N, C-alpha and C. Protein backbone atom coordinates (compact mmCIF):
# COMPACT_ATOMS: atom_id res chain seq x y z
N MET A 1 5.95 -2.50 -20.44
CA MET A 1 4.59 -2.36 -19.98
C MET A 1 4.05 -1.10 -20.63
N SER A 2 2.85 -1.17 -21.19
CA SER A 2 2.24 -0.03 -21.82
C SER A 2 1.81 0.98 -20.74
N ASP A 3 1.53 2.21 -21.19
CA ASP A 3 1.09 3.25 -20.25
C ASP A 3 -0.20 2.83 -19.55
N PHE A 4 -1.09 2.17 -20.31
CA PHE A 4 -2.36 1.71 -19.76
C PHE A 4 -2.11 0.66 -18.67
N ASP A 5 -1.25 -0.30 -18.96
CA ASP A 5 -0.95 -1.34 -18.01
C ASP A 5 -0.26 -0.77 -16.77
N THR A 6 0.63 0.17 -16.99
CA THR A 6 1.34 0.82 -15.86
C THR A 6 0.35 1.55 -14.96
N GLU A 7 -0.57 2.24 -15.57
CA GLU A 7 -1.58 2.98 -14.79
C GLU A 7 -2.49 2.02 -14.04
N ARG A 8 -2.89 0.93 -14.66
CA ARG A 8 -3.72 -0.06 -13.97
C ARG A 8 -2.97 -0.68 -12.80
N ALA A 9 -1.70 -0.96 -12.99
CA ALA A 9 -0.89 -1.55 -11.89
C ALA A 9 -0.77 -0.54 -10.77
N ARG A 10 -0.58 0.73 -11.09
CA ARG A 10 -0.46 1.75 -10.06
C ARG A 10 -1.78 1.87 -9.27
N GLU A 11 -2.91 1.88 -9.98
CA GLU A 11 -4.19 1.96 -9.32
C GLU A 11 -4.42 0.77 -8.39
N ALA A 12 -4.03 -0.41 -8.85
CA ALA A 12 -4.17 -1.61 -8.03
C ALA A 12 -3.28 -1.49 -6.79
N ALA A 13 -2.09 -0.98 -6.96
CA ALA A 13 -1.18 -0.82 -5.83
C ALA A 13 -1.72 0.21 -4.84
N GLU A 14 -2.33 1.28 -5.33
CA GLU A 14 -2.92 2.28 -4.45
C GLU A 14 -4.10 1.67 -3.67
N ASP A 15 -4.91 0.88 -4.37
CA ASP A 15 -6.04 0.20 -3.69
C ASP A 15 -5.53 -0.75 -2.61
N LEU A 16 -4.46 -1.49 -2.93
CA LEU A 16 -3.87 -2.39 -1.96
C LEU A 16 -3.31 -1.63 -0.76
N ALA A 17 -2.66 -0.49 -1.01
CA ALA A 17 -2.14 0.32 0.10
C ALA A 17 -3.27 0.81 0.99
N ASP A 18 -4.38 1.23 0.41
CA ASP A 18 -5.54 1.66 1.20
C ASP A 18 -6.05 0.52 2.08
N LEU A 19 -6.17 -0.65 1.49
CA LEU A 19 -6.67 -1.82 2.21
C LEU A 19 -5.69 -2.20 3.35
N LEU A 20 -4.42 -2.28 3.04
CA LEU A 20 -3.45 -2.65 4.05
C LEU A 20 -3.38 -1.62 5.19
N SER A 21 -3.54 -0.35 4.87
CA SER A 21 -3.51 0.71 5.89
C SER A 21 -4.63 0.51 6.89
N ALA A 22 -5.82 0.18 6.36
CA ALA A 22 -6.96 -0.02 7.25
C ALA A 22 -6.71 -1.22 8.18
N TYR A 23 -6.19 -2.31 7.61
CA TYR A 23 -5.89 -3.50 8.44
C TYR A 23 -4.81 -3.19 9.47
N GLU A 24 -3.77 -2.45 9.06
CA GLU A 24 -2.72 -2.14 10.02
C GLU A 24 -3.23 -1.31 11.19
N LEU A 25 -4.09 -0.33 10.89
CA LEU A 25 -4.67 0.49 11.96
C LEU A 25 -5.52 -0.39 12.91
N GLU A 26 -6.33 -1.23 12.35
CA GLU A 26 -7.19 -2.11 13.18
C GLU A 26 -6.34 -3.06 14.03
N LEU A 27 -5.30 -3.62 13.44
CA LEU A 27 -4.43 -4.52 14.21
C LEU A 27 -3.65 -3.78 15.26
N SER A 28 -3.30 -2.54 15.01
CA SER A 28 -2.60 -1.73 16.01
C SER A 28 -3.48 -1.54 17.23
N ALA A 29 -4.77 -1.28 17.01
CA ALA A 29 -5.71 -1.12 18.12
C ALA A 29 -5.89 -2.45 18.86
N LEU A 30 -6.00 -3.53 18.10
CA LEU A 30 -6.17 -4.86 18.71
C LEU A 30 -4.96 -5.27 19.51
N GLU A 31 -3.81 -4.86 19.08
CA GLU A 31 -2.55 -5.24 19.73
C GLU A 31 -2.47 -4.78 21.18
N GLN A 32 -3.19 -3.74 21.52
CA GLN A 32 -3.23 -3.27 22.92
C GLN A 32 -3.77 -4.35 23.84
N ASP A 33 -4.81 -5.04 23.39
CA ASP A 33 -5.44 -6.07 24.21
C ASP A 33 -4.95 -7.49 23.87
N ALA A 34 -4.41 -7.67 22.68
CA ALA A 34 -3.99 -9.00 22.24
C ALA A 34 -2.60 -8.90 21.60
N PRO A 35 -1.54 -8.88 22.44
CA PRO A 35 -0.19 -8.70 21.92
C PRO A 35 0.22 -9.76 20.90
N GLY A 36 -0.50 -10.88 20.85
CA GLY A 36 -0.18 -11.93 19.92
C GLY A 36 -0.38 -11.55 18.46
N VAL A 37 -1.11 -10.46 18.20
CA VAL A 37 -1.31 -10.04 16.81
C VAL A 37 -0.15 -9.18 16.28
N ALA A 38 0.81 -8.91 17.15
CA ALA A 38 1.94 -8.06 16.76
C ALA A 38 2.66 -8.57 15.51
N PRO A 39 2.99 -9.87 15.41
CA PRO A 39 3.66 -10.34 14.18
C PRO A 39 2.82 -10.13 12.92
N LEU A 40 1.53 -10.28 13.03
CA LEU A 40 0.67 -10.06 11.87
C LEU A 40 0.65 -8.56 11.49
N ARG A 41 0.55 -7.69 12.49
CA ARG A 41 0.59 -6.25 12.23
C ARG A 41 1.90 -5.86 11.60
N GLU A 42 3.01 -6.46 12.07
CA GLU A 42 4.32 -6.15 11.51
C GLU A 42 4.40 -6.62 10.06
N ALA A 43 3.86 -7.79 9.77
CA ALA A 43 3.88 -8.33 8.40
C ALA A 43 3.05 -7.41 7.46
N ILE A 44 1.90 -6.95 7.96
CA ILE A 44 1.08 -6.02 7.16
C ILE A 44 1.85 -4.74 6.92
N GLY A 45 2.55 -4.25 7.95
CA GLY A 45 3.36 -3.03 7.83
C GLY A 45 4.46 -3.18 6.79
N VAL A 46 5.08 -4.33 6.75
CA VAL A 46 6.15 -4.59 5.76
C VAL A 46 5.54 -4.59 4.35
N ALA A 47 4.44 -5.27 4.18
CA ALA A 47 3.78 -5.32 2.88
C ALA A 47 3.34 -3.91 2.45
N LEU A 48 2.83 -3.13 3.37
CA LEU A 48 2.43 -1.75 3.08
C LEU A 48 3.63 -0.91 2.65
N ALA A 49 4.73 -1.08 3.36
CA ALA A 49 5.94 -0.34 3.00
C ALA A 49 6.41 -0.69 1.60
N ARG A 50 6.37 -1.97 1.25
CA ARG A 50 6.81 -2.40 -0.09
C ARG A 50 5.91 -1.84 -1.17
N VAL A 51 4.62 -1.82 -0.92
CA VAL A 51 3.66 -1.30 -1.94
C VAL A 51 3.89 0.20 -2.12
N THR A 52 4.02 0.94 -1.00
CA THR A 52 4.21 2.38 -1.14
C THR A 52 5.56 2.70 -1.77
N PHE A 53 6.56 1.89 -1.51
CA PHE A 53 7.83 2.10 -2.16
C PHE A 53 7.70 1.86 -3.66
N TRP A 54 7.00 0.84 -4.04
CA TRP A 54 6.80 0.54 -5.48
C TRP A 54 6.11 1.70 -6.16
N ILE A 55 5.07 2.25 -5.51
CA ILE A 55 4.35 3.38 -6.09
C ILE A 55 5.26 4.58 -6.23
N SER A 56 6.02 4.92 -5.20
CA SER A 56 6.92 6.09 -5.28
C SER A 56 8.06 5.85 -6.28
N ASP A 57 8.53 4.62 -6.38
CA ASP A 57 9.58 4.31 -7.33
C ASP A 57 9.05 4.49 -8.77
N ARG A 58 7.83 4.05 -9.04
CA ARG A 58 7.23 4.21 -10.37
C ARG A 58 7.05 5.69 -10.67
N ASP A 59 6.61 6.47 -9.67
CA ASP A 59 6.44 7.91 -9.90
C ASP A 59 7.76 8.56 -10.25
N ALA A 60 8.84 8.14 -9.57
CA ALA A 60 10.16 8.70 -9.86
C ALA A 60 10.62 8.34 -11.27
N GLU A 61 10.33 7.12 -11.70
CA GLU A 61 10.72 6.67 -13.04
C GLU A 61 9.93 7.39 -14.13
N LEU A 62 8.62 7.55 -13.88
CA LEU A 62 7.75 8.06 -14.93
C LEU A 62 7.55 9.57 -14.88
N GLY A 63 7.92 10.18 -13.80
CA GLY A 63 7.71 11.61 -13.65
C GLY A 63 6.24 11.87 -13.28
N PRO A 64 5.91 13.15 -13.11
CA PRO A 64 4.54 13.47 -12.71
C PRO A 64 3.54 13.06 -13.79
N VAL A 65 2.46 12.47 -13.33
CA VAL A 65 1.38 12.04 -14.26
C VAL A 65 0.11 12.62 -13.74
N SER A 66 -0.67 13.22 -14.63
CA SER A 66 -1.97 13.75 -14.24
C SER A 66 -2.96 12.57 -14.19
N ARG A 67 -3.61 12.43 -13.02
CA ARG A 67 -4.56 11.34 -12.89
C ARG A 67 -5.71 11.76 -12.01
N THR A 68 -6.82 11.16 -12.25
CA THR A 68 -8.00 11.39 -11.41
C THR A 68 -8.40 10.08 -10.79
N ARG A 69 -8.59 10.11 -9.47
CA ARG A 69 -9.05 8.88 -8.79
C ARG A 69 -10.53 8.99 -8.59
N HIS A 70 -11.23 7.89 -8.78
CA HIS A 70 -12.65 7.87 -8.54
C HIS A 70 -12.95 7.19 -7.26
């Protein structure tokens, strides 16, 4: 994978982590009144964990990279 492709994949993963975090927080609040959403919240949590692991794994492989987020 080229550096450009790697950076695009990382940015997409960061965007996905942001999106999943928001959903997980919302589902956590909903779970208080609707315990039936717990499996969905757990699934979102697993997906979030996998995305953040992938990001940290790539950082470990590539070393520190200077980047600016917009």
